[in-house]
Amino acid sequence: MTLYELTEALAARGIELSLRLVVDAPRGAVTDELRAALAIHKPHLLACLGREAQWEALSTQRWGPALRPPTVEDRYEAEERVAIQTEDQT
């Protein structure tokens, strides 16, 4: 089942998915200031956690364990390789 098929099947059955930010901390470690900052930055934190999880999953499934997260330089090198391959095909 593809990701598209999964989302369609869930929607057809009225199943909804959601993300939650769960904070696991010792009692008293989360101050009011931290709690407020977590609430303000929740969407960005969830996005970062999602990207990290996606990178971890892709790195182990396709190329082996990640040694480090990708950098901007990695992206430019990848784009250059694609451009060279495109030129070779024409």
PDB file of N, CA and C in Angstrom:
ATOM      1  N   MET A   1       0.860  -1.174   0.000  1.00  0.00           N
ATOM      2  CA  MET A   1       0.000   0.000   0.000  1.00  0.00           C
ATOM      3  C   MET A   1       0.901   1.230   0.000  1.00  0.00           C
ATOM      4  N   THR A   2       0.646   2.129  -0.930  1.00  0.00           N
ATOM      5  CA  THR A   2       1.433   3.358  -1.000  1.00  0.00           C
ATOM      6  C   THR A   2       0.947   4.346   0.054  1.00  0.00           C
ATOM      7  N   LEU A   3       1.721   5.413   0.249  1.00  0.00           N
ATOM      8  CA  LEU A   3       1.327   6.451   1.196  1.00  0.00           C
ATOM      9  C   LEU A   3      -0.005   7.079   0.768  1.00  0.00           C
ATOM     10  N   TYR A   4      -0.148   7.322  -0.524  1.00  0.00           N
ATOM     11  CA  TYR A   4      -1.397   7.895  -1.024  1.00  0.00           C
ATOM     12  C   TYR A   4      -2.574   6.963  -0.739  1.00  0.00           C
ATOM     13  N   GLU A   5      -2.390   5.678  -1.019  1.00  0.00           N
ATOM     14  CA  GLU A   5      -3.459   4.708  -0.774  1.00  0.00           C
ATOM     15  C   GLU A   5      -3.809   4.638   0.716  1.00  0.00           C
ATOM     16  N   LEU A   6      -2.801   4.711   1.566  1.00  0.00           N
ATOM     17  CA  LEU A   6      -3.029   4.696   3.002  1.00  0.00           C
ATOM     18  C   LEU A   6      -3.851   5.901   3.438  1.00  0.00           C
ATOM     19  N   THR A   7      -3.460   7.093   2.993  1.00  0.00           N
ATOM     20  CA  THR A   7      -4.209   8.292   3.401  1.00  0.00           C
ATOM     21  C   THR A   7      -5.636   8.266   2.868  1.00  0.00           C
ATOM     22  N   GLU A   8      -5.819   7.740   1.672  1.00  0.00           N
ATOM     23  CA  GLU A   8      -7.166   7.619   1.115  1.00  0.00           C
ATOM     24  C   GLU A   8      -8.005   6.622   1.922  1.00  0.00           C
ATOM     25  N   ALA A   9      -7.420   5.489   2.280  1.00  0.00           N
ATOM     26  CA  ALA A   9      -8.142   4.474   3.054  1.00  0.00           C
ATOM     27  C   ALA A   9      -8.515   5.010   4.437  1.00  0.00           C
ATOM     28  N   LEU A  10      -7.598   5.729   5.065  1.00  0.00           N
ATOM     29  CA  LEU A  10      -7.895   6.312   6.380  1.00  0.00           C
ATOM     30  C   LEU A  10      -9.022   7.331   6.269  1.00  0.00           C
ATOM     31  N   ALA A  11      -8.944   8.201   5.278  1.00  0.00           N
ATOM     32  CA  ALA A  11      -9.973   9.233   5.093  1.00  0.00           C
ATOM     33  C   ALA A  11     -11.328   8.599   4.804  1.00  0.00           C
ATOM     34  N   ALA A  12     -11.349   7.547   3.997  1.00  0.00           N
ATOM     35  CA  ALA A  12     -12.604   6.881   3.651  1.00  0.00           C
ATOM     36  C   ALA A  12     -13.283   6.279   4.881  1.00  0.00           C
ATOM     37  N   ARG A  13     -12.494   5.931   5.874  1.00  0.00           N
ATOM     38  CA  ARG A  13     -13.044   5.331   7.098  1.00  0.00           C
ATOM     39  C   ARG A  13     -13.203   6.344   8.231  1.00  0.00           C
ATOM     40  N   GLY A  14     -12.958   7.622   7.913  1.00  0.00           N
ATOM     41  CA  GLY A  14     -13.113   8.659   8.926  1.00  0.00           C
ATOM     42  C   GLY A  14     -12.010   8.663   9.976  1.00  0.00           C
ATOM     43  N   ILE A  15     -10.875   8.096   9.634  1.00  0.00           N
ATOM     44  CA  ILE A  15      -9.751   8.039  10.571  1.00  0.00           C
ATOM     45  C   ILE A  15      -8.884   9.276  10.354  1.00  0.00           C
ATOM     46  N   GLU A  16      -8.632  10.003  11.440  1.00  0.00           N
ATOM     47  CA  GLU A  16      -7.809  11.200  11.364  1.00  0.00           C
ATOM     48  C   GLU A  16      -6.523  10.995  12.157  1.00  0.00           C
ATOM     49  N   LEU A  17      -5.454  11.532  11.637  1.00  0.00           N
ATOM     50  CA  LEU A  17      -4.157  11.476  12.309  1.00  0.00           C
ATOM     51  C   LEU A  17      -3.799  12.871  12.795  1.00  0.00           C
ATOM     52  N   SER A  18      -3.059  12.944  13.878  1.00  0.00           N
ATOM     53  CA  SER A  18      -2.590  14.237  14.357  1.00  0.00           C
ATOM     54  C   SER A  18      -1.238  14.068  15.020  1.00  0.00           C
ATOM     55  N   LEU A  19      -0.531  15.154  15.121  1.00  0.00           N
ATOM     56  CA  LEU A  19       0.761  15.168  15.790  1.00  0.00           C
ATOM     57  C   LEU A  19       0.611  15.818  17.147  1.00  0.00           C
ATOM     58  N   ARG A  20       1.369  15.309  18.098  1.00  0.00           N
ATOM     59  CA  ARG A  20       1.378  15.899  19.435  1.00  0.00           C
ATOM     60  C   ARG A  20       2.822  16.078  19.860  1.00  0.00           C
ATOM     61  N   LEU A  21       3.063  17.162  20.564  1.00  0.00           N
ATOM     62  CA  LEU A  21       4.374  17.379  21.143  1.00  0.00           C
ATOM     63  C   LEU A  21       4.309  16.910  22.585  1.00  0.00           C
ATOM     64  N   VAL A  22       4.980  15.814  22.875  1.00  0.00           N
ATOM     65  CA  VAL A  22       4.984  15.240  24.216  1.00  0.00           C
ATOM     66  C   VAL A  22       6.320  15.580  24.868  1.00  0.00           C
ATOM     67  N   VAL A  23       6.251  16.243  26.015  1.00  0.00           N
ATOM     68  CA  VAL A  23       7.453  16.639  26.735  1.00  0.00           C
ATOM     69  C   VAL A  23       7.651  15.664  27.893  1.00  0.00           C
ATOM     70  N   ASP A  24       8.773  14.985  27.895  1.00  0.00           N
ATOM     71  CA  ASP A  24       9.117  14.054  28.964  1.00  0.00           C
ATOM     72  C   ASP A  24      10.248  14.699  29.762  1.00  0.00           C
ATOM     73  N   ALA A  25       9.934  15.186  30.944  1.00  0.00           N
ATOM     74  CA  ALA A  25      10.919  15.922  31.740  1.00  0.00           C
ATOM     75  C   ALA A  25      10.739  15.612  33.214  1.00  0.00           C
ATOM     76  N   PRO A  26      11.816  15.760  33.979  1.00  0.00           N
ATOM     77  CA  PRO A  26      11.682  15.576  35.430  1.00  0.00           C
ATOM     78  C   PRO A  26      10.729  16.616  36.017  1.00  0.00           C
ATOM     79  N   ARG A  27      10.106  16.267  37.109  1.00  0.00           N
ATOM     80  CA  ARG A  27       9.174  17.173  37.770  1.00  0.00           C
ATOM     81  C   ARG A  27       9.874  18.489  38.090  1.00  0.00           C
ATOM     82  N   GLY A  28       9.227  19.586  37.700  1.00  0.00           N
ATOM     83  CA  GLY A  28       9.747  20.919  37.984  1.00  0.00           C
ATOM     84  C   GLY A  28      10.759  21.442  36.982  1.00  0.00           C
ATOM     85  N   ALA A  29      11.168  20.616  36.021  1.00  0.00           N
ATOM     86  CA  ALA A  29      12.175  21.057  35.052  1.00  0.00           C
ATOM     87  C   ALA A  29      11.607  22.043  34.039  1.00  0.00           C
ATOM     88  N   VAL A  30      10.323  21.911  33.712  1.00  0.00           N
ATOM     89  CA  VAL A  30       9.698  22.794  32.725  1.00  0.00           C
ATOM     90  C   VAL A  30       9.119  24.000  33.467  1.00  0.00           C
ATOM     91  N   THR A  31       9.773  25.128  33.277  1.00  0.00           N
ATOM     92  CA  THR A  31       9.326  26.364  33.919  1.00  0.00           C
ATOM     93  C   THR A  31       8.189  26.975  33.124  1.00  0.00           C
ATOM     94  N   ASP A  32       7.535  27.982  33.697  1.00  0.00           N
ATOM     95  CA  ASP A  32       6.472  28.685  32.972  1.00  0.00           C
ATOM     96  C   ASP A  32       7.016  29.319  31.697  1.00  0.00           C
ATOM     97  N   GLU A  33       8.248  29.840  31.775  1.00  0.00           N
ATOM     98  CA  GLU A  33       8.867  30.456  30.596  1.00  0.00           C
ATOM     99  C   GLU A  33       9.091  29.419  29.498  1.00  0.00           C
ATOM    100  N   LEU A  34       9.606  28.240  29.875  1.00  0.00           N
ATOM    101  CA  LEU A  34       9.806  27.168  28.884  1.00  0.00           C
ATOM    102  C   LEU A  34       8.481  26.685  28.319  1.00  0.00           C
ATOM    103  N   ARG A  35       7.471  26.556  29.174  1.00  0.00           N
ATOM    104  CA  ARG A  35       6.152  26.103  28.725  1.00  0.00           C
ATOM    105  C   ARG A  35       5.580  27.087  27.695  1.00  0.00           C
ATOM    106  N   ALA A  36       5.716  28.376  27.958  1.00  0.00           N
ATOM    107  CA  ALA A  36       5.222  29.393  27.018  1.00  0.00           C
ATOM    108  C   ALA A  36       5.990  29.325  25.697  1.00  0.00           C
ATOM    109  N   ALA A  37       7.319  29.155  25.784  1.00  0.00           N
ATOM    110  CA  ALA A  37       8.130  29.064  24.567  1.00  0.00           C
ATOM    111  C   ALA A  37       7.777  27.817  23.767  1.00  0.00           C
ATOM    112  N   LEU A  38       7.528  26.707  24.462  1.00  0.00           N
ATOM    113  CA  LEU A  38       7.111  25.481  23.772  1.00  0.00           C
ATOM    114  C   LEU A  38       5.796  25.697  23.020  1.00  0.00           C
ATOM    115  N   ALA A  39       4.865  26.383  23.649  1.00  0.00           N
ATOM    116  CA  ALA A  39       3.569  26.646  23.009  1.00  0.00           C
ATOM    117  C   ALA A  39       3.742  27.528  21.778  1.00  0.00           C
ATOM    118  N   ILE A  40       4.586  28.546  21.895  1.00  0.00           N
ATOM    119  CA  ILE A  40       4.804  29.468  20.769  1.00  0.00           C
ATOM    120  C   ILE A  40       5.476  28.753  19.599  1.00  0.00           C
ATOM    121  N   HIS A  41       6.470  27.932  19.906  1.00  0.00           N
ATOM    122  CA  HIS A  41       7.286  27.303  18.863  1.00  0.00           C
ATOM    123  C   HIS A  41       6.847  25.884  18.516  1.00  0.00           C
ATOM    124  N   LYS A  42       5.694  25.455  19.006  1.00  0.00           N
ATOM    125  CA  LYS A  42       5.235  24.084  18.793  1.00  0.00           C
ATOM    126  C   LYS A  42       5.231  23.660  17.320  1.00  0.00           C
ATOM    127  N   PRO A  43       4.668  24.460  16.409  1.00  0.00           N
ATOM    128  CA  PRO A  43       4.667  24.026  14.998  1.00  0.00           C
ATOM    129  C   PRO A  43       6.077  23.807  14.454  1.00  0.00           C
ATOM    130  N   HIS A  44       6.995  24.687  14.814  1.00  0.00           N
ATOM    131  CA  HIS A  44       8.363  24.560  14.317  1.00  0.00           C
ATOM    132  C   HIS A  44       9.071  23.361  14.945  1.00  0.00           C
ATOM    133  N   LEU A  45       8.825  23.135  16.220  1.00  0.00           N
ATOM    134  CA  LEU A  45       9.412  21.970  16.881  1.00  0.00           C
ATOM    135  C   LEU A  45       8.919  20.672  16.252  1.00  0.00           C
ATOM    136  N   LEU A  46       7.620  20.601  15.974  1.00  0.00           N
ATOM    137  CA  LEU A  46       7.068  19.402  15.335  1.00  0.00           C
ATOM    138  C   LEU A  46       7.664  19.205  13.943  1.00  0.00           C
ATOM    139  N   ALA A  47       7.841  20.293  13.212  1.00  0.00           N
ATOM    140  CA  ALA A  47       8.443  20.193  11.879  1.00  0.00           C
ATOM    141  C   ALA A  47       9.877  19.686  11.977  1.00  0.00           C
ATOM    142  N   CYS A  48      10.647  20.208  12.934  1.00  0.00           N
ATOM    143  CA  CYS A  48      12.031  19.757  13.118  1.00  0.00           C
ATOM    144  C   CYS A  48      12.082  18.286  13.500  1.00  0.00           C
ATOM    145  N   LEU A  49      11.224  17.885  14.424  1.00  0.00           N
ATOM    146  CA  LEU A  49      11.191  16.480  14.833  1.00  0.00           C
ATOM    147  C   LEU A  49      10.811  15.583  13.661  1.00  0.00           C
ATOM    148  N   GLY A  50       9.866  16.047  12.848  1.00  0.00           N
ATOM    149  CA  GLY A  50       9.459  15.276  11.674  1.00  0.00           C
ATOM    150  C   GLY A  50      10.587  15.127  10.674  1.00  0.00           C
ATOM    151  N   ARG A  51      11.318  16.223  10.425  1.00  0.00           N
ATOM    152  CA  ARG A  51      12.446  16.148   9.490  1.00  0.00           C
ATOM    153  C   ARG A  51      13.529  15.214  10.017  1.00  0.00           C
ATOM    154  N   GLU A  52      13.811  15.309  11.318  1.00  0.00           N
ATOM    155  CA  GLU A  52      14.830  14.433  11.902  1.00  0.00           C
ATOM    156  C   GLU A  52      14.424  12.963  11.778  1.00  0.00           C
ATOM    157  N   ALA A  53      13.168  12.682  12.053  1.00  0.00           N
ATOM    158  CA  ALA A  53      12.687  11.301  11.946  1.00  0.00           C
ATOM    159  C   ALA A  53      12.736  10.824  10.500  1.00  0.00           C
ATOM    160  N   GLN A  54      12.357  11.698   9.577  1.00  0.00           N
ATOM    161  CA  GLN A  54      12.377  11.328   8.164  1.00  0.00           C
ATOM    162  C   GLN A  54      13.812  11.083   7.699  1.00  0.00           C
ATOM    163  N   TRP A  55      14.730  11.949   8.098  1.00  0.00           N
ATOM    164  CA  TRP A  55      16.127  11.771   7.709  1.00  0.00           C
ATOM    165  C   TRP A  55      16.669  10.460   8.267  1.00  0.00           C
ATOM    166  N   GLU A  56      16.356  10.183   9.527  1.00  0.00           N
ATOM    167  CA  GLU A  56      16.836   8.944  10.143  1.00  0.00           C
ATOM    168  C   GLU A  56      16.297   7.722   9.404  1.00  0.00           C
ATOM    169  N   ALA A  57      15.017   7.746   9.078  1.00  0.00           N
ATOM    170  CA  ALA A  57      14.415   6.606   8.373  1.00  0.00           C
ATOM    171  C   ALA A  57      15.014   6.441   6.979  1.00  0.00           C
ATOM    172  N   LEU A  58      15.146   7.538   6.247  1.00  0.00           N
ATOM    173  CA  LEU A  58      15.692   7.450   4.895  1.00  0.00           C
ATOM    174  C   LEU A  58      17.151   7.025   4.908  1.00  0.00           C
ATOM    175  N   SER A  59      17.904   7.536   5.854  1.00  0.00           N
ATOM    176  CA  SER A  59      19.331   7.228   5.864  1.00  0.00           C
ATOM    177  C   SER A  59      19.591   5.756   6.150  1.00  0.00           C
ATOM    178  N   THR A  60      18.782   5.132   6.967  1.00  0.00           N
ATOM    179  CA  THR A  60      19.007   3.723   7.268  1.00  0.00           C
ATOM    180  C   THR A  60      18.426   2.820   6.187  1.00  0.00           C
ATOM    181  N   GLN A  61      17.358   3.244   5.550  1.00  0.00           N
ATOM    182  CA  GLN A  61      16.711   2.404   4.549  1.00  0.00           C
ATOM    183  C   GLN A  61      17.425   2.446   3.204  1.00  0.00           C
ATOM    184  N   ARG A  62      17.970   3.597   2.851  1.00  0.00           N
ATOM    185  CA  ARG A  62      18.494   3.732   1.503  1.00  0.00           C
ATOM    186  C   ARG A  62      20.014   3.707   1.419  1.00  0.00           C
ATOM    187  N   TRP A  63      20.683   4.322   2.383  1.00  0.00           N
ATOM    188  CA  TRP A  63      22.127   4.474   2.242  1.00  0.00           C
ATOM    189  C   TRP A  63      22.920   4.013   3.455  1.00  0.00           C
ATOM    190  N   GLY A  64      22.282   3.466   4.450  1.00  0.00           N
ATOM    191  CA  GLY A  64      22.984   3.107   5.673  1.00  0.00           C
ATOM    192  C   GLY A  64      22.858   4.229   6.695  1.00  0.00           C
ATOM    193  N   PRO A  65      23.411   4.046   7.877  1.00  0.00           N
ATOM    194  CA  PRO A  65      23.256   5.040   8.937  1.00  0.00           C
ATOM    195  C   PRO A  65      23.835   6.395   8.548  1.00  0.00           C
ATOM    196  N   ALA A  66      23.158   7.431   8.947  1.00  0.00           N
ATOM    197  CA  ALA A  66      23.618   8.788   8.655  1.00  0.00           C
ATOM    198  C   ALA A  66      24.797   9.143   9.553  1.00  0.00           C
ATOM    199  N   LEU A  67      25.794   9.723   8.953  1.00  0.00           N
ATOM    200  CA  LEU A  67      26.929  10.188   9.731  1.00  0.00           C
ATOM    201  C   LEU A  67      26.680  11.598  10.241  1.00  0.00           C
ATOM    202  N   ARG A  68      25.891  12.351   9.488  1.00  0.00           N
ATOM    203  CA  ARG A  68      25.546  13.713   9.876  1.00  0.00           C
ATOM    204  C   ARG A  68      24.333  14.152   9.064  1.00  0.00           C
ATOM    205  N   PRO A  69      23.622  15.158   9.546  1.00  0.00           N
ATOM    206  CA  PRO A  69      22.504  15.667   8.755  1.00  0.00           C
ATOM    207  C   PRO A  69      23.023  16.336   7.476  1.00  0.00           C
ATOM    208  N   PRO A  70      22.198  16.413   6.446  1.00  0.00           N
ATOM    209  CA  PRO A  70      22.638  17.049   5.203  1.00  0.00           C
ATOM    210  C   PRO A  70      22.883  18.538   5.417  1.00  0.00           C
ATOM    211  N   THR A  71      23.819  19.081   4.653  1.00  0.00           N
ATOM    212  CA  THR A  71      24.140  20.503   4.732  1.00  0.00           C
ATOM    213  C   THR A  71      23.706  21.192   3.450  1.00  0.00           C
ATOM    214  N   VAL A  72      23.788  22.506   3.445  1.00  0.00           N
ATOM    215  CA  VAL A  72      23.455  23.276   2.245  1.00  0.00           C
ATOM    216  C   VAL A  72      24.406  22.889   1.114  1.00  0.00           C
ATOM    217  N   GLU A  73      25.676  22.662   1.458  1.00  0.00           N
ATOM    218  CA  GLU A  73      26.650  22.272   0.444  1.00  0.00           C
ATOM    219  C   GLU A  73      26.267  20.939  -0.196  1.00  0.00           C
ATOM    220  N   ASP A  74      25.759  20.009   0.604  1.00  0.00           N
ATOM    221  CA  ASP A  74      25.312  18.719   0.058  1.00  0.00           C
ATOM    222  C   ASP A  74      24.224  18.929  -0.986  1.00  0.00           C
ATOM    223  N   ARG A  75      23.312  19.853  -0.707  1.00  0.00           N
ATOM    224  CA  ARG A  75      22.213  20.107  -1.641  1.00  0.00           C
ATOM    225  C   ARG A  75      22.751  20.651  -2.955  1.00  0.00           C
ATOM    226  N   TYR A  76      23.683  21.605  -2.878  1.00  0.00           N
ATOM    227  CA  TYR A  76      24.246  22.164  -4.108  1.00  0.00           C
ATOM    228  C   TYR A  76      24.989  21.101  -4.907  1.00  0.00           C
ATOM    229  N   GLU A  77      25.730  20.231  -4.222  1.00  0.00           N
ATOM    230  CA  GLU A  77      26.436  19.159  -4.919  1.00  0.00           C
ATOM    231  C   GLU A  77      25.448  18.222  -5.606  1.00  0.00           C
ATOM    232  N   ALA A  78      24.350  17.907  -4.933  1.00  0.00           N
ATOM    233  CA  ALA A  78      23.335  17.030  -5.526  1.00  0.00           C
ATOM    234  C   ALA A  78      22.703  17.694  -6.744  1.00  0.00           C
ATOM    235  N   GLU A  79      22.414  18.986  -6.638  1.00  0.00           N
ATOM    236  CA  GLU A  79      21.821  19.701  -7.770  1.00  0.00           C
ATOM    237  C   GLU A  79      22.782  19.738  -8.950  1.00  0.00           C
ATOM    238  N   GLU A  80      24.085  19.909  -8.667  1.00  0.00           N
ATOM    239  CA  GLU A  80      25.074  19.905  -9.737  1.00  0.00           C
ATOM    240  C   GLU A  80      25.130  18.545 -10.422  1.00  0.00           C
ATOM    241  N   ARG A  81      25.061  17.452  -9.636  1.00  0.00           N
ATOM    242  CA  ARG A  81      25.076  16.112 -10.228  1.00  0.00           C
ATOM    243  C   ARG A  81      23.867  15.906 -11.137  1.00  0.00           C
ATOM    244  N   VAL A  82      22.697  16.376 -10.697  1.00  0.00           N
ATOM    245  CA  VAL A  82      21.491  16.246 -11.508  1.00  0.00           C
ATOM    246  C   VAL A  82      21.642  17.044 -12.789  1.00  0.00           C
ATOM    247  N   ALA A  83      22.189  18.242 -12.690  1.00  0.00           N
ATOM    248  CA  ALA A  83      22.379  19.077 -13.880  1.00  0.00           C
ATOM    249  C   ALA A  83      23.329  18.413 -14.859  1.00  0.00           C
ATOM    250  N   ILE A  84      24.405  17.822 -14.349  1.00  0.00           N
ATOM    251  CA  ILE A  84      25.366  17.141 -15.217  1.00  0.00           C
ATOM    252  C   ILE A  84      24.720  15.933 -15.874  1.00  0.00           C
ATOM    253  N   GLN A  85      23.949  15.166 -15.114  1.00  0.00           N
ATOM    254  CA  GLN A  85      23.276  13.992 -15.669  1.00  0.00           C
ATOM    255  C   GLN A  85      22.275  14.402 -16.725  1.00  0.00           C
ATOM    256  N   THR A  86      21.578  15.507 -16.509  1.00  0.00           N
ATOM    257  CA  THR A  86      20.593  16.006 -17.482  1.00  0.00           C
ATOM    258  C   THR A  86      21.289  16.411 -18.765  1.00  0.00           C
ATOM    259  N   GLU A  87      22.440  17.085 -18.624  1.00  0.00           N
ATOM    260  CA  GLU A  87      23.203  17.488 -19.802  1.00  0.00           C
ATOM    261  C   GLU A  87      23.685  16.282 -20.579  1.00  0.00           C
ATOM    262  N   ASP A  88      24.127  15.245 -19.864  1.00  0.00           N
ATOM    263  CA  ASP A  88      24.613  14.021 -20.517  1.00  0.00           C
ATOM    264  C   ASP A  88      23.524  13.308 -21.306  1.00  0.00           C
ATOM    265  N   GLN A  89      22.286  13.430 -20.844  1.00  0.00           N
ATOM    266  CA  GLN A  89      21.163  12.745 -21.490  1.00  0.00           C
ATOM    267  C   GLN A  89      20.672  13.454 -22.735  1.00  0.00           C
ATOM    268  N   THR A  90      21.032  14.739 -22.886  1.00  0.00           N
ATOM    269  CA  THR A  90      20.550  15.491 -24.047  1.00  0.00           C
ATOM    270  C   THR A  90      21.498  15.400 -25.200  1.00  0.00           C
TER     271      THR A  90
END
